[in-house]
Amino acid sequence: MHRVGVTALALSLVTGLTGVAAASAATSAGHHVYPSKHQVQDARHRAAHAADSVAGVKHQLEQADIEAHAAATTAEQAAERYNGARWELQQARQDARTASEHATIAAGDARRQHAAYAATVVTSYEMGPSLSPLAALQGADGMSSVVDTMSTLQNAQSAMDHTAASYTASSTLAGVASDQAEAAQAKAARLAAEAKSARDAAIAAANAAQLKTEQIAALKTHLIRRMARLQHVSVKMAQKRQAGIEEAAREAAQRAAERKARREAARAAAQKAAQQAAENQGPSTSPTTPTTPTTPPPAPPAPSGGAARAIAFARSQLGEPYVWGAAGPSSWDCSGLTMGAWRAGGISLPHYSVAQYAESTPISPSALRPGDLVFWGSSGSPSSIYHVAMYVGNGLIIQAPHTGADVDEVSMYSWIAPNFFARP
């Protein structure tokens, strides 16, 4: 009798995981009735379904985080494309101003040459009768006088030809400069339209990322509540468990990224050492010739004092919000923050991650020093860079992460490993 009661209780607890009452032992006329075979199978099925649901909820939570991260990345890529379009527009406008200035100078020179040529023509016309070859012969009082007069005539003609050539050249240059100015202005107008489109795309991507973040936050709240019901724990406990799971996953991913980076650095160093050993060995192929490995050349020195000031500035912005296209004083995007930090360090950088890399000195990960910049790109080409952060030592970076987040100091492997490194 006791064994029957325990069996019924255990079955009730198993089926209770789904919130549906299980078939349990019942009494009829003082006698216990065992659950049917069908009832037992149904209880087992419901218990298995509950376990599958827990796994399914966990998977949905993981997918939600992936989707939120993808939306934030898409928004940041759009923001950096806007920064790039804006930077190109600034360059084009500067080129247009320079070309316009050159065109103005060339046009002024052409006008002066035209006036000089006109004056030469008038003078030549006025002096024409006296400088003609016939007049030279008629008015000459000797051969030397003829020679002098003819020489004067040739000099006048040469001066006129020179003035005409100068006028033609200056007119041609003025035309070329004018065409260049028009082309530069047309390019600036085209890039202005492209910058506006990039700005609109950045706004749309930021809004979409914000909406996605809100939707995923609501979804995660719903999933965690469902998880709590399935696991028969409080919502608070389920939230704590989920936070622990996510933190453990981040730490595991960070450790894996760090191990991968160390392996890649070691492999690169070994390849470089082997290459240098082969170069030192020279053309000789004798196996008995000893080779002396050489150490890699030292990395370029960090800017004196500038790195410390840049880091101090970046650290003073911790907690301020990410806003696409922002460069301070109280909100930042990724390249805006590094630009502002290095401006405090005495170096001018553009507000565009791709250009920041292009205007800095590329270095290897093993050469990183505090103040250096680390970049993320979607491929092996620097043109794919869409995020930048400042390395501050001990594997940490300061960054303006993405829409909905604040400037923070984290491991540079807390997300995915960066693939470009440079020193301003």
Foldseek 3Di string as FASTA:
>chain_A
DVVLQVVQVVLQVLLCLQVDGADGWDDDPRDTDHDDPVSSVVSVVNSVVLVVLLVVLLVVLVVLVVVLVVLFLQLLLLLLVLLVLVVVLVVLVVQLVVLVVQLVVLVVQLVVLVVVLVVLVVVCVVCVVCLDLVNLVVPDPDPVSSVVSPVVSVVSVVVNVVSVVSNVVSVVSSVVSVVSSVVSVVVSVVSVVVSVVSVVVSVVSLVVSVVSVVVSVVVNLVSLCVSCSSVVHDSVVSVVVSVVVVVVVLVVQLVVQVVVLVVVVVVVQVVVQVVVQVVQQPPDPDPPDDTDGDHDDADDDAPPQLLVQLVVQLVVLFPAAEDRPDQDDRYHAFLSSLQVSSVSSVDHFRSHQLRNLVPFAWDRPVNDDFNKKFWAAPDLDSVRTRGIWTDHDPQWTWGNRGRPDGTDIDGCSSPPHTDTIGHD
